[in-house]
Amino acid sequence: MTKAETTTADDFARAFARAWTAQDAKALADLMAEDGDLVSLTGRWAEGRKDIAATFAAEFAGTLARARLVTGRAKLRQLGPQIAVLHQRFVLSGLIDPQGADLGRVGVVLVATLIITPQGWRAAALQFCAAEG
């Protein structure tokens, strides 16, 4: 499976984690629909693949430069043959403040509305945020 290949909706979280680990902003953006929307970990709202790639690249150059994801619980709800909603928990470590100090580990959740496209399953909308519990 290539970095952005998502032949089933279940593949999406694994492809996202692989691209994140590689800090590959383009591969992350390629997991989005062409006109997809992203709300990032830093709260930035990005629209379209170009803006999404720039958002991830900027985050990887700053606070998320050493960030690592550990995959946790997932829930996939198939809403129809061509649409699904994914909730994926991760533990995020390696966050750094502007002075380079480690900010510890935090729980985060990815929520994605997935649609089937000729390239496979892609996120029409994705929110990646801190979570408790």
N, C-alpha and C. Protein backbone atom coordinates (compact mmCIF):
# COMPACT_ATOMS: atom_id res chain seq x y z
N MET A 1 0.84 -1.17 0.00
CA MET A 1 0.00 0.00 0.00
C MET A 1 0.89 1.24 0.00
N THR A 2 0.64 2.17 -0.90
CA THR A 2 1.40 3.41 -0.93
C THR A 2 0.93 4.31 0.20
N LYS A 3 1.68 5.40 0.44
CA LYS A 3 1.36 6.29 1.55
C LYS A 3 -0.09 6.76 1.54
N ALA A 4 -0.62 7.08 0.38
CA ALA A 4 -1.96 7.65 0.31
C ALA A 4 -3.01 6.66 -0.17
N GLU A 5 -2.66 5.38 -0.33
CA GLU A 5 -3.64 4.41 -0.81
C GLU A 5 -4.59 4.02 0.31
N THR A 6 -5.85 4.22 0.06
CA THR A 6 -6.88 3.89 1.05
C THR A 6 -8.01 3.18 0.33
N THR A 7 -7.84 1.89 0.11
CA THR A 7 -8.84 1.14 -0.64
C THR A 7 -10.08 0.85 0.19
N THR A 8 -9.96 0.86 1.51
CA THR A 8 -11.13 0.76 2.39
C THR A 8 -11.08 1.92 3.38
N ALA A 9 -12.22 2.24 3.95
CA ALA A 9 -12.27 3.33 4.93
C ALA A 9 -11.36 3.01 6.12
N ASP A 10 -11.23 1.73 6.46
CA ASP A 10 -10.36 1.32 7.57
C ASP A 10 -8.90 1.67 7.33
N ASP A 11 -8.48 1.78 6.08
CA ASP A 11 -7.09 2.11 5.75
C ASP A 11 -6.71 3.55 6.09
N PHE A 12 -7.70 4.42 6.22
CA PHE A 12 -7.42 5.85 6.33
C PHE A 12 -6.56 6.18 7.55
N ALA A 13 -6.91 5.69 8.72
CA ALA A 13 -6.16 6.03 9.94
C ALA A 13 -4.71 5.54 9.85
N ARG A 14 -4.50 4.36 9.30
CA ARG A 14 -3.13 3.85 9.14
C ARG A 14 -2.33 4.72 8.17
N ALA A 15 -2.96 5.11 7.07
CA ALA A 15 -2.27 5.97 6.10
C ALA A 15 -1.96 7.34 6.72
N PHE A 16 -2.89 7.87 7.51
CA PHE A 16 -2.67 9.14 8.18
C PHE A 16 -1.49 9.03 9.15
N ALA A 17 -1.47 7.98 9.97
CA ALA A 17 -0.39 7.80 10.95
C ALA A 17 0.96 7.62 10.26
N ARG A 18 1.00 6.88 9.15
CA ARG A 18 2.25 6.71 8.40
C ARG A 18 2.76 8.05 7.87
N ALA A 19 1.87 8.82 7.26
CA ALA A 19 2.27 10.12 6.70
C ALA A 19 2.69 11.07 7.82
N TRP A 20 2.00 11.02 8.95
CA TRP A 20 2.35 11.86 10.09
C TRP A 20 3.74 11.51 10.61
N THR A 21 4.00 10.22 10.79
CA THR A 21 5.29 9.77 11.29
C THR A 21 6.42 10.23 10.37
N ALA A 22 6.17 10.22 9.08
CA ALA A 22 7.16 10.68 8.10
C ALA A 22 7.21 12.21 8.01
N GLN A 23 6.30 12.88 8.70
CA GLN A 23 6.13 14.34 8.63
C GLN A 23 6.03 14.78 7.17
N ASP A 24 5.21 14.05 6.44
CA ASP A 24 5.01 14.27 5.01
C ASP A 24 3.71 15.06 4.80
N ALA A 25 3.84 16.38 4.78
CA ALA A 25 2.68 17.26 4.66
C ALA A 25 1.91 17.01 3.37
N LYS A 26 2.62 16.74 2.29
CA LYS A 26 1.95 16.49 1.01
C LYS A 26 1.14 15.20 1.07
N ALA A 27 1.70 14.14 1.65
CA ALA A 27 0.96 12.88 1.77
C ALA A 27 -0.28 13.06 2.64
N LEU A 28 -0.17 13.85 3.71
CA LEU A 28 -1.34 14.12 4.54
C LEU A 28 -2.40 14.87 3.74
N ALA A 29 -1.98 15.88 2.99
CA ALA A 29 -2.93 16.63 2.16
C ALA A 29 -3.55 15.74 1.09
N ASP A 30 -2.78 14.79 0.56
CA ASP A 30 -3.30 13.88 -0.46
C ASP A 30 -4.37 12.95 0.09
N LEU A 31 -4.45 12.80 1.41
CA LEU A 31 -5.50 12.00 2.03
C LEU A 31 -6.82 12.76 2.10
N MET A 32 -6.79 14.02 1.75
CA MET A 32 -7.97 14.87 1.78
C MET A 32 -8.61 14.92 0.39
N ALA A 33 -9.91 15.18 0.35
CA ALA A 33 -10.56 15.50 -0.93
C ALA A 33 -9.93 16.79 -1.45
N GLU A 34 -9.95 16.97 -2.74
CA GLU A 34 -9.33 18.16 -3.35
C GLU A 34 -9.82 19.45 -2.69
N ASP A 35 -11.10 19.51 -2.37
CA ASP A 35 -11.68 20.71 -1.74
C ASP A 35 -11.94 20.49 -0.25
N GLY A 36 -11.17 19.58 0.37
CA GLY A 36 -11.38 19.22 1.77
C GLY A 36 -11.12 20.36 2.74
N ASP A 37 -11.67 20.21 3.94
CA ASP A 37 -11.49 21.17 5.03
C ASP A 37 -10.78 20.49 6.18
N LEU A 38 -9.85 21.21 6.80
CA LEU A 38 -9.08 20.71 7.94
C LEU A 38 -9.14 21.71 9.08
N VAL A 39 -9.38 21.22 10.29
CA VAL A 39 -9.11 21.99 11.50
C VAL A 39 -7.97 21.24 12.17
N SER A 40 -6.81 21.91 12.26
CA SER A 40 -5.58 21.25 12.69
C SER A 40 -5.43 21.25 14.21
N LEU A 41 -4.41 20.55 14.68
CA LEU A 41 -4.11 20.50 16.12
C LEU A 41 -3.88 21.88 16.71
N THR A 42 -3.34 22.79 15.93
CA THR A 42 -3.08 24.14 16.43
C THR A 42 -4.27 25.06 16.24
N GLY A 43 -5.38 24.52 15.73
CA GLY A 43 -6.60 25.29 15.58
C GLY A 43 -6.74 26.01 14.25
N ARG A 44 -5.83 25.79 13.35
CA ARG A 44 -5.91 26.45 12.05
C ARG A 44 -6.95 25.76 11.17
N TRP A 45 -7.74 26.56 10.47
CA TRP A 45 -8.72 26.04 9.52
C TRP A 45 -8.13 26.20 8.13
N ALA A 46 -7.94 25.09 7.45
CA ALA A 46 -7.36 25.10 6.11
C ALA A 46 -8.37 24.54 5.12
N GLU A 47 -8.41 25.14 3.94
CA GLU A 47 -9.35 24.72 2.90
C GLU A 47 -8.59 24.36 1.63
N GLY A 48 -8.82 23.15 1.12
CA GLY A 48 -8.17 22.69 -0.10
C GLY A 48 -6.79 22.11 0.17
N ARG A 49 -6.37 21.20 -0.69
CA ARG A 49 -5.12 20.47 -0.47
C ARG A 49 -3.90 21.36 -0.34
N LYS A 50 -3.80 22.40 -1.16
CA LYS A 50 -2.62 23.27 -1.10
C LYS A 50 -2.51 23.94 0.27
N ASP A 51 -3.61 24.48 0.77
CA ASP A 51 -3.61 25.13 2.08
C ASP A 51 -3.39 24.11 3.20
N ILE A 52 -3.96 22.92 3.04
CA ILE A 52 -3.78 21.86 4.04
C ILE A 52 -2.32 21.43 4.11
N ALA A 53 -1.68 21.23 2.96
CA ALA A 53 -0.25 20.86 2.95
C ALA A 53 0.58 21.95 3.61
N ALA A 54 0.29 23.21 3.34
CA ALA A 54 1.04 24.32 3.95
C ALA A 54 0.82 24.35 5.46
N THR A 55 -0.39 24.05 5.90
CA THR A 55 -0.69 24.03 7.34
C THR A 55 0.12 22.94 8.03
N PHE A 56 0.09 21.71 7.51
CA PHE A 56 0.87 20.64 8.12
C PHE A 56 2.36 20.94 8.08
N ALA A 57 2.86 21.47 6.98
CA ALA A 57 4.29 21.80 6.87
C ALA A 57 4.69 22.83 7.93
N ALA A 58 3.87 23.84 8.14
CA ALA A 58 4.17 24.86 9.15
C ALA A 58 4.15 24.26 10.55
N GLU A 59 3.20 23.38 10.82
CA GLU A 59 3.13 22.76 12.14
C GLU A 59 4.33 21.84 12.38
N PHE A 60 4.75 21.10 11.36
CA PHE A 60 5.92 20.23 11.51
C PHE A 60 7.21 21.03 11.66
N ALA A 61 7.22 22.27 11.22
CA ALA A 61 8.40 23.13 11.38
C ALA A 61 8.43 23.80 12.75
N GLY A 62 7.34 23.71 13.51
CA GLY A 62 7.25 24.38 14.80
C GLY A 62 6.98 23.40 15.93
N THR A 63 5.85 23.60 16.60
CA THR A 63 5.48 22.82 17.79
C THR A 63 5.50 21.32 17.56
N LEU A 64 5.20 20.88 16.35
CA LEU A 64 5.09 19.44 16.07
C LEU A 64 6.34 18.85 15.43
N ALA A 65 7.46 19.57 15.49
CA ALA A 65 8.69 19.13 14.82
C ALA A 65 9.16 17.75 15.28
N ARG A 66 8.94 17.41 16.54
CA ARG A 66 9.37 16.10 17.07
C ARG A 66 8.19 15.23 17.46
N ALA A 67 7.00 15.61 17.06
CA ALA A 67 5.78 14.92 17.49
C ALA A 67 5.69 13.51 16.93
N ARG A 68 5.20 12.60 17.77
CA ARG A 68 4.99 11.21 17.40
C ARG A 68 3.59 10.79 17.82
N LEU A 69 2.97 9.95 17.01
CA LEU A 69 1.63 9.44 17.29
C LEU A 69 1.69 7.97 17.68
N VAL A 70 0.89 7.60 18.67
CA VAL A 70 0.66 6.20 19.01
C VAL A 70 -0.83 5.97 18.82
N THR A 71 -1.17 5.00 18.01
CA THR A 71 -2.56 4.74 17.66
C THR A 71 -3.31 4.12 18.82
N GLY A 72 -4.51 4.60 19.04
CA GLY A 72 -5.38 4.08 20.08
C GLY A 72 -6.67 3.55 19.47
N ARG A 73 -7.73 3.65 20.25
CA ARG A 73 -9.04 3.13 19.87
C ARG A 73 -9.59 3.85 18.64
N ALA A 74 -10.31 3.11 17.81
CA ALA A 74 -10.94 3.69 16.63
C ALA A 74 -12.39 3.24 16.55
N LYS A 75 -13.19 4.09 15.93
CA LYS A 75 -14.58 3.74 15.65
C LYS A 75 -14.88 4.24 14.24
N LEU A 76 -15.32 3.34 13.40
CA LEU A 76 -15.68 3.69 12.03
C LEU A 76 -17.17 3.44 11.86
N ARG A 77 -17.88 4.46 11.45
CA ARG A 77 -19.32 4.32 11.21
C ARG A 77 -19.58 4.50 9.72
N GLN A 78 -19.95 3.44 9.06
CA GLN A 78 -20.27 3.48 7.63
C GLN A 78 -21.68 4.07 7.50
N LEU A 79 -21.80 5.22 6.85
CA LEU A 79 -23.10 5.88 6.70
C LEU A 79 -23.79 5.49 5.39
N GLY A 80 -23.06 4.87 4.52
CA GLY A 80 -23.55 4.45 3.22
C GLY A 80 -22.39 3.84 2.47
N PRO A 81 -22.61 3.38 1.24
CA PRO A 81 -21.52 2.73 0.51
C PRO A 81 -20.38 3.67 0.14
N GLN A 82 -20.62 4.99 0.16
CA GLN A 82 -19.59 5.93 -0.27
C GLN A 82 -19.26 7.01 0.76
N ILE A 83 -19.70 6.81 2.00
CA ILE A 83 -19.44 7.81 3.04
C ILE A 83 -19.33 7.12 4.39
N ALA A 84 -18.38 7.60 5.20
CA ALA A 84 -18.16 7.04 6.54
C ALA A 84 -17.62 8.14 7.45
N VAL A 85 -17.80 7.95 8.74
CA VAL A 85 -17.22 8.85 9.73
C VAL A 85 -16.26 8.03 10.58
N LEU A 86 -15.05 8.54 10.71
CA LEU A 86 -14.00 7.88 11.48
C LEU A 86 -13.67 8.70 12.72
N HIS A 87 -13.62 8.04 13.87
CA HIS A 87 -13.08 8.62 15.10
C HIS A 87 -11.85 7.78 15.44
N GLN A 88 -10.69 8.41 15.52
CA GLN A 88 -9.44 7.70 15.82
C GLN A 88 -8.71 8.41 16.94
N ARG A 89 -8.48 7.70 18.02
CA ARG A 89 -7.71 8.26 19.14
C ARG A 89 -6.23 8.00 18.92
N PHE A 90 -5.43 8.95 19.35
CA PHE A 90 -3.98 8.83 19.33
C PHE A 90 -3.44 9.39 20.64
N VAL A 91 -2.24 8.99 21.02
CA VAL A 91 -1.46 9.68 22.04
C VAL A 91 -0.37 10.40 21.28
N LEU A 92 -0.24 11.69 21.54
CA LEU A 92 0.74 12.53 20.85
C LEU A 92 1.83 12.90 21.84
N SER A 93 3.07 12.63 21.47
CA SER A 93 4.21 13.01 22.32
C SER A 93 5.20 13.79 21.48
N GLY A 94 6.19 14.38 22.14
CA GLY A 94 7.23 15.11 21.42
C GLY A 94 6.87 16.54 21.08
N LEU A 95 5.78 17.06 21.65
CA LEU A 95 5.43 18.46 21.42
C LEU A 95 6.47 19.35 22.08
N ILE A 96 6.80 20.46 21.42
CA ILE A 96 7.79 21.38 21.98
C ILE A 96 7.25 22.80 21.97
N ASP A 97 7.64 23.56 22.99
CA ASP A 97 7.25 24.97 23.04
C ASP A 97 8.25 25.80 22.24
N PRO A 98 8.02 27.11 22.08
CA PRO A 98 8.93 27.93 21.27
C PRO A 98 10.39 27.91 21.74
N GLN A 99 10.63 27.60 23.02
CA GLN A 99 11.99 27.53 23.53
C GLN A 99 12.60 26.13 23.37
N GLY A 100 11.81 25.18 22.86
CA GLY A 100 12.31 23.83 22.63
C GLY A 100 12.06 22.87 23.78
N ALA A 101 11.32 23.29 24.81
CA ALA A 101 11.04 22.42 25.95
C ALA A 101 9.92 21.43 25.59
N ASP A 102 10.06 20.19 26.09
CA ASP A 102 9.07 19.15 25.85
C ASP A 102 7.79 19.46 26.61
N LEU A 103 6.66 19.38 25.94
CA LEU A 103 5.36 19.67 26.56
C LEU A 103 4.63 18.42 27.04
N GLY A 104 5.27 17.25 26.97
CA GLY A 104 4.66 16.03 27.47
C GLY A 104 3.74 15.37 26.46
N ARG A 105 2.94 14.41 26.96
CA ARG A 105 2.02 13.66 26.10
C ARG A 105 0.61 14.17 26.28
N VAL A 106 -0.15 14.10 25.19
CA VAL A 106 -1.57 14.48 25.24
C VAL A 106 -2.38 13.49 24.41
N GLY A 107 -3.62 13.31 24.83
CA GLY A 107 -4.55 12.53 24.03
C GLY A 107 -5.14 13.42 22.94
N VAL A 108 -5.23 12.89 21.74
CA VAL A 108 -5.84 13.63 20.63
C VAL A 108 -6.80 12.70 19.90
N VAL A 109 -7.73 13.30 19.19
CA VAL A 109 -8.67 12.52 18.39
C VAL A 109 -8.76 13.13 17.00
N LEU A 110 -8.80 12.27 16.03
CA LEU A 110 -9.02 12.64 14.64
C LEU A 110 -10.45 12.25 14.31
N VAL A 111 -11.22 13.19 13.80
CA VAL A 111 -12.58 12.91 13.34
C VAL A 111 -12.62 13.28 11.87
N ALA A 112 -12.93 12.31 11.03
CA ALA A 112 -12.92 12.55 9.58
C ALA A 112 -14.21 12.05 8.95
N THR A 113 -14.77 12.88 8.10
CA THR A 113 -15.87 12.47 7.24
C THR A 113 -15.23 12.00 5.95
N LEU A 114 -15.32 10.70 5.70
CA LEU A 114 -14.64 10.08 4.56
C LEU A 114 -15.60 9.84 3.41
N ILE A 115 -15.11 10.09 2.21
CA ILE A 115 -15.88 9.84 0.99
C ILE A 115 -15.03 9.00 0.05
N ILE A 116 -15.69 8.23 -0.79
CA ILE A 116 -14.96 7.44 -1.77
C ILE A 116 -14.73 8.31 -3.01
N THR A 117 -13.51 8.25 -3.52
CA THR A 117 -13.12 8.99 -4.72
C THR A 117 -12.42 8.01 -5.66
N PRO A 118 -12.12 8.40 -6.88
CA PRO A 118 -11.37 7.51 -7.77
C PRO A 118 -10.00 7.13 -7.19
N GLN A 119 -9.46 7.95 -6.29
CA GLN A 119 -8.15 7.67 -5.66
C GLN A 119 -8.28 6.84 -4.39
N GLY A 120 -9.49 6.51 -3.98
CA GLY A 120 -9.72 5.78 -2.74
C GLY A 120 -10.48 6.65 -1.75
N TRP A 121 -10.48 6.24 -0.49
CA TRP A 121 -11.18 6.99 0.54
C TRP A 121 -10.38 8.24 0.90
N ARG A 122 -11.06 9.38 0.93
CA ARG A 122 -10.43 10.66 1.25
C ARG A 122 -11.32 11.40 2.25
N ALA A 123 -10.72 12.28 3.02
CA ALA A 123 -11.47 13.07 4.00
C ALA A 123 -12.03 14.32 3.34
N ALA A 124 -13.34 14.46 3.37
CA ALA A 124 -13.97 15.70 2.92
C ALA A 124 -13.80 16.76 4.00
N ALA A 125 -13.81 16.31 5.25
CA ALA A 125 -13.59 17.19 6.40
C ALA A 125 -12.84 16.40 7.46
N LEU A 126 -11.87 17.04 8.09
CA LEU A 126 -11.06 16.39 9.11
C LEU A 126 -10.77 17.37 10.23
N GLN A 127 -11.04 16.95 11.46
CA GLN A 127 -10.69 17.75 12.63
C GLN A 127 -9.76 16.92 13.49
N PHE A 128 -8.66 17.52 13.91
CA PHE A 128 -7.64 16.85 14.71
C PHE A 128 -7.46 17.72 15.95
N CYS A 129 -7.87 17.22 17.12
CA CYS A 129 -7.87 18.08 18.30
C CYS A 129 -7.54 17.30 19.56
N ALA A 130 -7.20 18.03 20.61
CA ALA A 130 -6.94 17.43 21.92
C ALA A 130 -8.23 16.81 22.45
N ALA A 131 -8.08 15.74 23.24
CA ALA A 131 -9.25 15.05 23.78
C ALA A 131 -8.92 14.52 25.17
N GLU A 132 -9.95 14.38 25.97
CA GLU A 132 -9.81 13.77 27.30
C GLU A 132 -10.61 12.49 27.33
N GLY A 133 -10.30 11.66 28.33
CA GLY A 133 -11.10 10.47 28.55
C GLY A 133 -10.83 9.30 27.68
